[in-house]
Amino acid sequence: MCLKAASCGYLPYRDDVDMFAYFSLFAIAFFAATLLPLSSEVLFGALLAQEYSLAALLFWATLGNTLGACVNWWLGTLLRNNYSRLEIYRWIQIKGKEIERAGVWFNRYGKWSLLLAWAPVLGDALTVFAGITRVPFWQLAMLAGVGKFARYLFIAGVAAALINCCLLYTSDAADERSSV
């Protein structure tokens, strides 16, 4: 059923390899949005270059990245009342007063700063502070999701421009070799 619908153009999945590629993008985007140092942009661009569905790539990357931000928010809700316990660990350099100061900064700029949740390093901190400062979950998911979707749309534009530039260069070089 699924493959028949895909062949008729209803679904952007051609086979199991496509589903694995989309799941891989989802997983990497999810973990990249948490505190792990990963990047989903390279895989996103590579799949776009291999002519995967832009709509499906945007959906899976945005969903994974937004859910990763939700995990950070949840960690922030856990830290809200327990950050004083962090001070006993030498390897954690965050003090309770620093968290309170960051919360004041977050409250000054408000929940709208979550539109920048896509930014490397800063975005992770923003989503954690959203949990610490009790931003409602639905507001975090909506604002972070919009920002992350916009980022992937921008990346798709840049990747498409690079792909077209490379294709133009290679076709010009082929034409030049054939005319010699």
C-alpha atoms as a PDB file:
ATOM      1  CA  MET A   1       0.000   0.000   0.000  1.00  0.00           C
ATOM      2  CA  CYS A   2       2.669   2.465   1.028  1.00  0.00           C
ATOM      3  CA  LEU A   3       4.909   1.785  -1.970  1.00  0.00           C
ATOM      4  CA  LYS A   4       1.944   2.003  -4.329  1.00  0.00           C
ATOM      5  CA  ALA A   5       0.974   5.386  -2.884  1.00  0.00           C
ATOM      6  CA  ALA A   6       4.604   6.521  -3.119  1.00  0.00           C
ATOM      7  CA  SER A   7       4.852   5.533  -6.767  1.00  0.00           C
ATOM      8  CA  CYS A   8       1.707   7.551  -7.518  1.00  0.00           C
ATOM      9  CA  GLY A   9       3.234  10.625  -5.938  1.00  0.00           C
ATOM     10  CA  TYR A  10       1.231  10.685  -2.707  1.00  0.00           C
ATOM     11  CA  LEU A  11       4.175  10.040  -0.418  1.00  0.00           C
ATOM     12  CA  PRO A  12       7.760  11.284  -0.779  1.00  0.00           C
ATOM     13  CA  TYR A  13       9.185   7.847   0.115  1.00  0.00           C
ATOM     14  CA  ARG A  14      10.345   5.613  -2.689  1.00  0.00           C
ATOM     15  CA  ASP A  15      11.616   2.646  -0.660  1.00  0.00           C
ATOM     16  CA  ASP A  16      13.184   1.555   2.622  1.00  0.00           C
ATOM     17  CA  VAL A  17      16.417   3.378   1.793  1.00  0.00           C
ATOM     18  CA  ASP A  18      14.491   6.645   1.698  1.00  0.00           C
ATOM     19  CA  MET A  19      12.882   5.919   5.052  1.00  0.00           C
ATOM     20  CA  PHE A  20      16.308   5.147   6.533  1.00  0.00           C
ATOM     21  CA  ALA A  21      17.685   8.417   5.160  1.00  0.00           C
ATOM     22  CA  TYR A  22      14.794  10.431   6.600  1.00  0.00           C
ATOM     23  CA  PHE A  23      15.031   8.615   9.934  1.00  0.00           C
ATOM     24  CA  SER A  24      18.785   9.281  10.024  1.00  0.00           C
ATOM     25  CA  LEU A  25      18.158  12.964   9.383  1.00  0.00           C
ATOM     26  CA  PHE A  26      15.515  13.014  12.132  1.00  0.00           C
ATOM     27  CA  ALA A  27      17.859  11.309  14.619  1.00  0.00           C
ATOM     28  CA  ILE A  28      20.854  13.516  13.862  1.00  0.00           C
ATOM     29  CA  ALA A  29      18.693  16.657  13.970  1.00  0.00           C
ATOM     30  CA  PHE A  30      17.246  15.511  17.301  1.00  0.00           C
ATOM     31  CA  PHE A  31      20.615  14.864  18.922  1.00  0.00           C
ATOM     32  CA  ALA A  32      22.115  18.019  17.398  1.00  0.00           C
ATOM     33  CA  ALA A  33      19.443  20.076  19.167  1.00  0.00           C
ATOM     34  CA  THR A  34      20.338  18.602  22.537  1.00  0.00           C
ATOM     35  CA  LEU A  35      23.596  19.334  24.275  1.00  0.00           C
ATOM     36  CA  LEU A  36      25.513  16.911  22.016  1.00  0.00           C
ATOM     37  CA  PRO A  37      27.946  18.527  19.556  1.00  0.00           C
ATOM     38  CA  LEU A  38      26.449  17.299  16.270  1.00  0.00           C
ATOM     39  CA  SER A  39      25.461  18.997  13.034  1.00  0.00           C
ATOM     40  CA  SER A  40      22.532  17.985  10.859  1.00  0.00           C
ATOM     41  CA  GLU A  41      23.127  20.559   8.128  1.00  0.00           C
ATOM     42  CA  VAL A  42      25.632  18.451   6.192  1.00  0.00           C
ATOM     43  CA  LEU A  43      23.305  15.448   5.981  1.00  0.00           C
ATOM     44  CA  PHE A  44      20.394  17.741   5.104  1.00  0.00           C
ATOM     45  CA  GLY A  45      22.383  19.254   2.219  1.00  0.00           C
ATOM     46  CA  ALA A  46      23.658  15.872   1.053  1.00  0.00           C
ATOM     47  CA  LEU A  47      20.150  14.409   0.927  1.00  0.00           C
ATOM     48  CA  LEU A  48      18.935  17.494  -0.897  1.00  0.00           C
ATOM     49  CA  ALA A  49      21.738  17.048  -3.440  1.00  0.00           C
ATOM     50  CA  GLN A  50      20.565  13.457  -3.976  1.00  0.00           C
ATOM     51  CA  GLU A  51      17.129  14.828  -4.902  1.00  0.00           C
ATOM     52  CA  TYR A  52      15.217  13.725  -1.835  1.00  0.00           C
ATOM     53  CA  SER A  53      11.889  15.465  -1.311  1.00  0.00           C
ATOM     54  CA  LEU A  54      12.433  18.980   0.056  1.00  0.00           C
ATOM     55  CA  ALA A  55       9.120  18.871   1.920  1.00  0.00           C
ATOM     56  CA  ALA A  56      10.024  15.586   3.621  1.00  0.00           C
ATOM     57  CA  LEU A  57      13.527  16.815   4.472  1.00  0.00           C
ATOM     58  CA  LEU A  58      12.111  20.008   5.996  1.00  0.00           C
ATOM     59  CA  PHE A  59       9.523  18.031   7.946  1.00  0.00           C
ATOM     60  CA  TRP A  60      11.880  15.414   9.423  1.00  0.00           C
ATOM     61  CA  ALA A  61      14.742  17.822  10.173  1.00  0.00           C
ATOM     62  CA  THR A  62      12.436  20.385  11.787  1.00  0.00           C
ATOM     63  CA  LEU A  63      10.581  17.737  13.798  1.00  0.00           C
ATOM     64  CA  GLY A  64      13.785  16.147  15.097  1.00  0.00           C
ATOM     65  CA  ASN A  65      15.425  19.467  15.926  1.00  0.00           C
ATOM     66  CA  THR A  66      12.291  20.799  17.649  1.00  0.00           C
ATOM     67  CA  LEU A  67      11.883  17.646  19.742  1.00  0.00           C
ATOM     68  CA  GLY A  68      15.543  17.941  20.750  1.00  0.00           C
ATOM     69  CA  ALA A  69      14.829  21.490  21.926  1.00  0.00           C
ATOM     70  CA  CYS A  70      11.910  20.083  23.928  1.00  0.00           C
ATOM     71  CA  VAL A  71      14.319  17.718  25.682  1.00  0.00           C
ATOM     72  CA  ASN A  72      16.471  20.725  26.623  1.00  0.00           C
ATOM     73  CA  TRP A  73      13.352  22.479  27.938  1.00  0.00           C
ATOM     74  CA  TRP A  74      12.546  19.411  30.048  1.00  0.00           C
ATOM     75  CA  LEU A  75      16.108  19.397  31.433  1.00  0.00           C
ATOM     76  CA  GLY A  76      15.615  23.061  32.298  1.00  0.00           C
ATOM     77  CA  THR A  77      12.446  22.221  34.232  1.00  0.00           C
ATOM     78  CA  LEU A  78      14.472  19.658  36.205  1.00  0.00           C
ATOM     79  CA  LEU A  79      17.200  22.213  36.877  1.00  0.00           C
ATOM     80  CA  ARG A  80      14.710  24.838  38.039  1.00  0.00           C
ATOM     81  CA  ASN A  81      14.602  23.565  41.599  1.00  0.00           C
ATOM     82  CA  ASN A  82      17.771  21.488  41.715  1.00  0.00           C
ATOM     83  CA  TYR A  83      20.548  23.691  40.339  1.00  0.00           C
ATOM     84  CA  SER A  84      22.071  24.126  43.798  1.00  0.00           C
ATOM     85  CA  ARG A  85      23.020  20.428  43.642  1.00  0.00           C
ATOM     86  CA  LEU A  86      25.185  21.125  40.585  1.00  0.00           C
ATOM     87  CA  GLU A  87      27.601  23.188  42.661  1.00  0.00           C
ATOM     88  CA  ILE A  88      28.962  20.079  44.418  1.00  0.00           C
ATOM     89  CA  TYR A  89      30.379  18.708  41.155  1.00  0.00           C
ATOM     90  CA  ARG A  90      33.794  20.134  40.253  1.00  0.00           C
ATOM     91  CA  TRP A  91      33.447  19.396  36.546  1.00  0.00           C
ATOM     92  CA  ILE A  92      30.291  21.527  36.235  1.00  0.00           C
ATOM     93  CA  GLN A  93      31.268  25.182  36.084  1.00  0.00           C
ATOM     94  CA  ILE A  94      27.737  26.582  36.450  1.00  0.00           C
ATOM     95  CA  LYS A  95      26.823  28.231  39.732  1.00  0.00           C
ATOM     96  CA  GLY A  96      23.297  28.848  40.985  1.00  0.00           C
ATOM     97  CA  LYS A  97      23.737  32.617  40.792  1.00  0.00           C
ATOM     98  CA  GLU A  98      24.793  32.332  37.151  1.00  0.00           C
ATOM     99  CA  ILE A  99      21.652  30.386  36.328  1.00  0.00           C
ATOM    100  CA  GLU A 100      19.542  33.000  38.099  1.00  0.00           C
ATOM    101  CA  ARG A 101      21.325  35.787  36.190  1.00  0.00           C
ATOM    102  CA  ALA A 102      20.720  33.990  32.892  1.00  0.00           C
ATOM    103  CA  GLY A 103      17.069  33.579  33.834  1.00  0.00           C
ATOM    104  CA  VAL A 104      16.791  37.329  34.423  1.00  0.00           C
ATOM    105  CA  TRP A 105      18.338  37.938  30.981  1.00  0.00           C
ATOM    106  CA  PHE A 106      15.910  35.476  29.406  1.00  0.00           C
ATOM    107  CA  ASN A 107      12.964  37.164  31.111  1.00  0.00           C
ATOM    108  CA  ARG A 108      14.145  40.564  29.857  1.00  0.00           C
ATOM    109  CA  TYR A 109      14.111  39.486  26.198  1.00  0.00           C
ATOM    110  CA  GLY A 110      11.214  37.139  26.686  1.00  0.00           C
ATOM    111  CA  LYS A 111       9.981  34.026  25.037  1.00  0.00           C
ATOM    112  CA  TRP A 112      10.436  35.575  21.571  1.00  0.00           C
ATOM    113  CA  SER A 113      14.153  34.887  21.888  1.00  0.00           C
ATOM    114  CA  LEU A 114      13.205  31.229  21.333  1.00  0.00           C
ATOM    115  CA  LEU A 115      12.954  32.068  17.631  1.00  0.00           C
ATOM    116  CA  LEU A 116      16.773  31.968  17.845  1.00  0.00           C
ATOM    117  CA  ALA A 117      16.742  28.420  19.241  1.00  0.00           C
ATOM    118  CA  TRP A 118      18.332  27.309  15.943  1.00  0.00           C
ATOM    119  CA  ALA A 119      21.592  29.127  16.702  1.00  0.00           C
ATOM    120  CA  PRO A 120      24.547  26.926  17.662  1.00  0.00           C
ATOM    121  CA  VAL A 121      25.321  26.885  21.419  1.00  0.00           C
ATOM    122  CA  LEU A 122      23.041  29.879  22.143  1.00  0.00           C
ATOM    123  CA  GLY A 123      19.971  27.941  21.043  1.00  0.00           C
ATOM    124  CA  ASP A 124      20.652  25.077  23.443  1.00  0.00           C
ATOM    125  CA  ALA A 125      21.032  27.518  26.336  1.00  0.00           C
ATOM    126  CA  LEU A 126      17.854  29.380  25.367  1.00  0.00           C
ATOM    127  CA  THR A 127      15.776  26.224  25.407  1.00  0.00           C
ATOM    128  CA  VAL A 128      17.202  25.153  28.781  1.00  0.00           C
ATOM    129  CA  PHE A 129      16.483  28.596  30.231  1.00  0.00           C
ATOM    130  CA  ALA A 130      12.971  28.404  28.828  1.00  0.00           C
ATOM    131  CA  GLY A 131      12.451  25.380  31.056  1.00  0.00           C
ATOM    132  CA  ILE A 132      14.070  27.057  34.045  1.00  0.00           C
ATOM    133  CA  THR A 133      11.893  30.163  33.665  1.00  0.00           C
ATOM    134  CA  ARG A 134       8.679  28.156  33.195  1.00  0.00           C
ATOM    135  CA  VAL A 135       7.879  29.056  29.600  1.00  0.00           C
ATOM    136  CA  PRO A 136       4.852  26.919  28.695  1.00  0.00           C
ATOM    137  CA  PHE A 137       5.764  23.857  26.661  1.00  0.00           C
ATOM    138  CA  TRP A 138       3.483  24.710  23.735  1.00  0.00           C
ATOM    139  CA  GLN A 139       5.091  28.163  23.394  1.00  0.00           C
ATOM    140  CA  LEU A 140       8.571  26.653  23.349  1.00  0.00           C
ATOM    141  CA  ALA A 141       7.565  24.046  20.766  1.00  0.00           C
ATOM    142  CA  MET A 142       5.861  26.615  18.535  1.00  0.00           C
ATOM    143  CA  LEU A 143       8.544  29.328  18.657  1.00  0.00           C
ATOM    144  CA  ALA A 144      11.520  26.965  18.459  1.00  0.00           C
ATOM    145  CA  GLY A 145       9.814  25.013  15.667  1.00  0.00           C
ATOM    146  CA  VAL A 146       9.227  28.143  13.582  1.00  0.00           C
ATOM    147  CA  GLY A 147      12.835  29.256  14.036  1.00  0.00           C
ATOM    148  CA  LYS A 148      14.215  25.827  13.206  1.00  0.00           C
ATOM    149  CA  PHE A 149      11.992  25.488  10.127  1.00  0.00           C
ATOM    150  CA  ALA A 150      13.209  28.887   8.892  1.00  0.00           C
ATOM    151  CA  ARG A 151      16.812  27.801   9.394  1.00  0.00           C
ATOM    152  CA  TYR A 152      16.371  24.586   7.406  1.00  0.00           C
ATOM    153  CA  LEU A 153      14.565  26.509   4.670  1.00  0.00           C
ATOM    154  CA  PHE A 154      17.535  28.886   4.505  1.00  0.00           C
ATOM    155  CA  ILE A 155      19.955  25.942   4.410  1.00  0.00           C
ATOM    156  CA  ALA A 156      17.911  24.416   1.573  1.00  0.00           C
ATOM    157  CA  GLY A 157      18.245  27.652  -0.388  1.00  0.00           C
ATOM    158  CA  VAL A 158      21.998  27.823   0.137  1.00  0.00           C
ATOM    159  CA  ALA A 159      22.418  24.126  -0.695  1.00  0.00           C
ATOM    160  CA  ALA A 160      20.324  24.475  -3.860  1.00  0.00           C
ATOM    161  CA  ALA A 161      22.414  27.457  -4.967  1.00  0.00           C
ATOM    162  CA  LEU A 162      25.637  25.514  -4.365  1.00  0.00           C
ATOM    163  CA  ILE A 163      24.304  22.444  -6.146  1.00  0.00           C
ATOM    164  CA  ASN A 164      23.214  24.517  -9.171  1.00  0.00           C
ATOM    165  CA  CYS A 165      26.573  26.290  -9.214  1.00  0.00           C
ATOM    166  CA  CYS A 166      28.427  22.970  -9.193  1.00  0.00           C
ATOM    167  CA  LEU A 167      26.175  21.514 -11.910  1.00  0.00           C
ATOM    168  CA  LEU A 168      26.673  24.609 -14.069  1.00  0.00           C
ATOM    169  CA  TYR A 169      30.441  24.440 -13.581  1.00  0.00           C
ATOM    170  CA  THR A 170      30.628  20.727 -14.437  1.00  0.00           C
ATOM    171  CA  SER A 171      28.396  21.119 -17.526  1.00  0.00           C
ATOM    172  CA  ASP A 172      30.516  24.072 -18.734  1.00  0.00           C
ATOM    173  CA  ALA A 173      33.691  22.044 -18.233  1.00  0.00           C
ATOM    174  CA  ALA A 174      32.160  19.113 -20.160  1.00  0.00           C
ATOM    175  CA  ASP A 175      31.135  21.402 -23.004  1.00  0.00           C
ATOM    176  CA  GLU A 176      34.622  22.908 -23.107  1.00  0.00           C
ATOM    177  CA  ARG A 177      36.264  19.458 -23.278  1.00  0.00           C
ATOM    178  CA  SER A 178      33.945  18.275 -26.035  1.00  0.00           C
ATOM    179  CA  SER A 179      34.632  21.346 -28.191  1.00  0.00           C
ATOM    180  CA  VAL A 180      38.424  20.864 -28.065  1.00  0.00           C
END
